[in-house]
C-alpha atoms as a PDB file:
ATOM      1  CA  GLN A   1      -5.455  44.137  37.123  1.00  0.00           C
ATOM      2  CA  LEU A   2      -5.411  47.796  36.833  1.00  0.00           C
ATOM      3  CA  GLN A   3      -8.198  49.552  38.714  1.00  0.00           C
ATOM      4  CA  LEU A   4      -9.377  53.160  38.480  1.00  0.00           C
ATOM      5  CA  VAL A   5     -11.653  54.887  40.846  1.00  0.00           C
ATOM      6  CA  GLU A   6     -12.958  58.271  40.277  1.00  0.00           C
ATOM      7  CA  SER A   7     -14.235  60.807  42.987  1.00  0.00           C
ATOM      8  CA  GLY A   8     -15.031  64.424  43.437  1.00  0.00           C
ATOM      9  CA  GLY A   9     -18.183  64.614  41.527  1.00  0.00           C
ATOM     10  CA  GLY A  10     -21.360  66.472  42.490  1.00  0.00           C
ATOM     11  CA  LEU A  11     -23.306  69.757  42.077  1.00  0.00           C
ATOM     12  CA  VAL A  12     -21.143  72.660  40.874  1.00  0.00           C
ATOM     13  CA  GLN A  13     -22.323  76.316  40.462  1.00  0.00           C
ATOM     14  CA  PRO A  14     -22.201  77.660  36.939  1.00  0.00           C
ATOM     15  CA  GLY A  15     -18.972  79.762  36.734  1.00  0.00           C
ATOM     16  CA  GLY A  16     -17.365  77.673  39.394  1.00  0.00           C
ATOM     17  CA  SER A  17     -14.579  75.133  39.336  1.00  0.00           C
ATOM     18  CA  LEU A  18     -14.431  71.434  39.706  1.00  0.00           C
ATOM     19  CA  ARG A  19     -11.638  68.897  40.934  1.00  0.00           C
ATOM     20  CA  LEU A  20     -11.867  65.381  40.232  1.00  0.00           C
ATOM     21  CA  SER A  21      -9.639  62.567  41.460  1.00  0.00           C
ATOM     22  CA  CYS A  22      -8.699  59.157  39.823  1.00  0.00           C
ATOM     23  CA  ALA A  23      -6.974  56.696  42.188  1.00  0.00           C
ATOM     24  CA  VAL A  24      -5.067  53.989  40.318  1.00  0.00           C
ATOM     25  CA  SER A  25      -4.301  50.611  41.879  1.00  0.00           C
ATOM     26  CA  GLY A  26      -3.053  47.268  40.747  1.00  0.00           C
ATOM     27  CA  ALA A  27      -0.251  48.417  38.389  1.00  0.00           C
ATOM     28  CA  ASN A  28       2.626  50.894  38.021  1.00  0.00           C
ATOM     29  CA  LEU A  29       1.067  54.358  37.077  1.00  0.00           C
ATOM     30  CA  ASP A  30       4.386  54.959  35.099  1.00  0.00           C
ATOM     31  CA  ASP A  31       3.261  52.274  32.615  1.00  0.00           C
ATOM     32  CA  TYR A  32       0.200  54.076  31.331  1.00  0.00           C
ATOM     33  CA  ALA A  33      -1.091  57.333  30.101  1.00  0.00           C
ATOM     34  CA  ILE A  34      -4.200  58.407  31.825  1.00  0.00           C
ATOM     35  CA  GLY A  35      -7.039  60.301  30.176  1.00  0.00           C
ATOM     36  CA  TRP A  36     -10.193  61.954  31.399  1.00  0.00           C
ATOM     37  CA  PHE A  37     -13.371  61.669  29.326  1.00  0.00           C
ATOM     38  CA  ARG A  38     -16.992  62.766  29.810  1.00  0.00           C
ATOM     39  CA  GLN A  39     -20.220  61.571  28.618  1.00  0.00           C
ATOM     40  CA  ALA A  40     -23.418  63.666  28.668  1.00  0.00           C
ATOM     41  CA  PRO A  41     -26.866  62.007  28.137  1.00  0.00           C
ATOM     42  CA  GLY A  42     -27.425  61.215  24.527  1.00  0.00           C
ATOM     43  CA  LYS A  43     -23.905  62.217  23.488  1.00  0.00           C
ATOM     44  CA  VAL A  44     -20.747  60.415  22.536  1.00  0.00           C
ATOM     45  CA  ARG A  45     -18.029  59.956  25.096  1.00  0.00           C
ATOM     46  CA  GLU A  46     -15.434  62.648  24.517  1.00  0.00           C
ATOM     47  CA  GLY A  47     -11.868  63.213  25.664  1.00  0.00           C
ATOM     48  CA  VAL A  48     -11.262  66.039  28.176  1.00  0.00           C
ATOM     49  CA  ALA A  49      -7.532  65.638  28.894  1.00  0.00           C
ATOM     50  CA  CYS A  50      -4.653  63.129  28.836  1.00  0.00           C
ATOM     51  CA  ILE A  51      -1.349  63.006  30.693  1.00  0.00           C
ATOM     52  CA  SER A  52       1.504  60.728  29.710  1.00  0.00           C
ATOM     53  CA  SER A  53       3.761  58.693  32.002  1.00  0.00           C
ATOM     54  CA  GLY A  54       7.365  59.576  32.419  1.00  0.00           C
ATOM     55  CA  ASP A  55       7.804  63.259  31.507  1.00  0.00           C
ATOM     56  CA  GLY A  56       4.017  63.956  32.311  1.00  0.00           C
ATOM     57  CA  SER A  57       3.264  65.636  29.029  1.00  0.00           C
ATOM     58  CA  THR A  58      -0.311  66.586  28.453  1.00  0.00           C
ATOM     59  CA  TYR A  59      -2.811  66.705  25.722  1.00  0.00           C
ATOM     60  CA  TYR A  60      -6.008  68.612  25.529  1.00  0.00           C
ATOM     61  CA  PRO A  61      -8.626  68.686  22.854  1.00  0.00           C
ATOM     62  CA  ASP A  62      -8.964  72.311  21.541  1.00  0.00           C
ATOM     63  CA  SER A  63     -12.306  72.719  23.166  1.00  0.00           C
ATOM     64  CA  MET A  64     -10.799  72.134  26.602  1.00  0.00           C
ATOM     65  CA  LYS A  65      -7.533  74.208  26.307  1.00  0.00           C
ATOM     66  CA  GLY A  66      -7.421  76.939  28.840  1.00  0.00           C
ATOM     67  CA  ARG A  67     -10.227  75.517  31.018  1.00  0.00           C
ATOM     68  CA  ALA A  68      -9.014  71.973  31.963  1.00  0.00           C
ATOM     69  CA  THR A  69      -5.880  71.100  33.779  1.00  0.00           C
ATOM     70  CA  ILE A  70      -4.763  67.497  34.247  1.00  0.00           C
ATOM     71  CA  SER A  71      -2.067  66.574  36.715  1.00  0.00           C
ATOM     72  CA  ARG A  72      -0.592  63.503  38.600  1.00  0.00           C
ATOM     73  CA  ASP A  73       0.722  62.568  41.817  1.00  0.00           C
ATOM     74  CA  ASN A  74       2.891  59.504  41.550  1.00  0.00           C
ATOM     75  CA  ALA A  75       3.463  59.185  45.280  1.00  0.00           C
ATOM     76  CA  LYS A  76      -0.399  58.943  45.725  1.00  0.00           C
ATOM     77  CA  ASN A  77      -1.010  57.046  42.394  1.00  0.00           C
ATOM     78  CA  THR A  78      -3.601  59.620  41.694  1.00  0.00           C
ATOM     79  CA  ILE A  79      -4.487  61.752  38.587  1.00  0.00           C
ATOM     80  CA  TYR A  80      -6.399  65.001  38.998  1.00  0.00           C
ATOM     81  CA  LEU A  81      -8.599  67.011  36.696  1.00  0.00           C
ATOM     82  CA  GLN A  82      -9.532  70.703  37.416  1.00  0.00           C
ATOM     83  CA  MET A  83     -11.950  72.659  35.331  1.00  0.00           C
ATOM     84  CA  LYS A  84     -12.693  76.210  35.681  1.00  0.00           C
ATOM     85  CA  SER A  85     -15.664  78.544  34.434  1.00  0.00           C
ATOM     86  CA  VAL A  86     -18.036  75.503  34.104  1.00  0.00           C
ATOM     87  CA  THR A  87     -21.325  75.776  32.473  1.00  0.00           C
ATOM     88  CA  PRO A  88     -24.299  73.484  32.345  1.00  0.00           C
ATOM     89  CA  GLU A  89     -22.822  72.064  29.188  1.00  0.00           C
ATOM     90  CA  ASP A  90     -20.005  70.509  31.321  1.00  0.00           C
ATOM     91  CA  THR A  91     -22.865  68.296  33.060  1.00  0.00           C
ATOM     92  CA  ALA A  92     -21.842  64.629  32.367  1.00  0.00           C
ATOM     93  CA  VAL A  93     -20.394  61.605  33.868  1.00  0.00           C
ATOM     94  CA  TYR A  94     -16.635  61.925  34.067  1.00  0.00           C
ATOM     95  CA  TYR A  95     -14.427  58.897  33.575  1.00  0.00           C
ATOM     96  CA  CYS A  96     -10.681  58.217  33.895  1.00  0.00           C
ATOM     97  CA  ALA A  97      -9.095  55.693  31.705  1.00  0.00           C
ATOM     98  CA  ALA A  98      -5.734  54.128  31.181  1.00  0.00           C
ATOM     99  CA  ASP A  99      -3.881  53.703  27.835  1.00  0.00           C
ATOM    100  CA  ALA A 100      -1.073  51.064  27.834  1.00  0.00           C
ATOM    101  CA  LEU A 101       0.753  53.061  25.083  1.00  0.00           C
ATOM    102  CA  SER A 102       1.961  55.229  28.041  1.00  0.00           C
ATOM    103  CA  ILE A 103       1.945  58.496  26.206  1.00  0.00           C
ATOM    104  CA  CYS A 104      -0.711  60.571  25.043  1.00  0.00           C
ATOM    105  CA  ARG A 105      -1.525  60.268  21.249  1.00  0.00           C
ATOM    106  CA  PRO A 106      -0.800  63.478  19.638  1.00  0.00           C
ATOM    107  CA  TYR A 107      -3.702  63.353  17.195  1.00  0.00           C
ATOM    108  CA  GLY A 108      -6.544  63.134  19.750  1.00  0.00           C
ATOM    109  CA  MET A 109      -8.194  61.027  22.333  1.00  0.00           C
ATOM    110  CA  ASP A 110      -9.778  57.865  20.867  1.00  0.00           C
ATOM    111  CA  ARG A 111     -11.707  56.273  23.663  1.00  0.00           C
ATOM    112  CA  TYR A 112     -11.352  52.881  21.909  1.00  0.00           C
ATOM    113  CA  GLN A 113      -7.528  53.132  22.572  1.00  0.00           C
ATOM    114  CA  TYR A 114      -7.997  53.131  26.295  1.00  0.00           C
ATOM    115  CA  ASP A 115      -7.711  49.735  27.893  1.00  0.00           C
ATOM    116  CA  TYR A 116      -8.974  50.240  31.365  1.00  0.00           C
ATOM    117  CA  TRP A 117     -11.770  52.399  32.791  1.00  0.00           C
ATOM    118  CA  GLY A 118     -13.163  53.697  36.026  1.00  0.00           C
ATOM    119  CA  GLN A 119     -16.879  53.552  36.874  1.00  0.00           C
ATOM    120  CA  GLY A 120     -17.323  57.264  36.452  1.00  0.00           C
ATOM    121  CA  THR A 121     -18.432  60.074  38.576  1.00  0.00           C
ATOM    122  CA  GLN A 122     -21.394  62.389  37.951  1.00  0.00           C
ATOM    123  CA  VAL A 123     -20.818  66.107  37.709  1.00  0.00           C
ATOM    124  CA  THR A 124     -23.892  68.421  37.468  1.00  0.00           C
ATOM    125  CA  VAL A 125     -23.449  72.005  36.943  1.00  0.00           C
ATOM    126  CA  SER A 126     -26.511  74.001  37.853  1.00  0.00           C
ATOM    127  CA  SER A 127     -27.763  76.794  39.971  1.00  0.00           C
END
């Protein structure tokens, strides 16, 4: 059974950066594409970034291009998300999720296509 555990959340100053980790266990990371999503109170869960297995190609929604960077360390079975120039609007619970398709879908990040989810990590952007 694939398990994902997020870490790295907390309080971040506006204008600062955040780095989240997603530790994957129970399966071969190469068999899944991994996505980061976030959900703010009262809002729909939205995609932030995706990284494919194999060649590690990435997908970012237009709203995240230039601010978010997703990467993977296969030796550590860990996926990372970095975001820069954060604002209070980035406050949310951040989740990582695995898609058994193994490649990021080019048309967008549909949360219903992801098969496994972590428990989430809270990020609060505030001064």
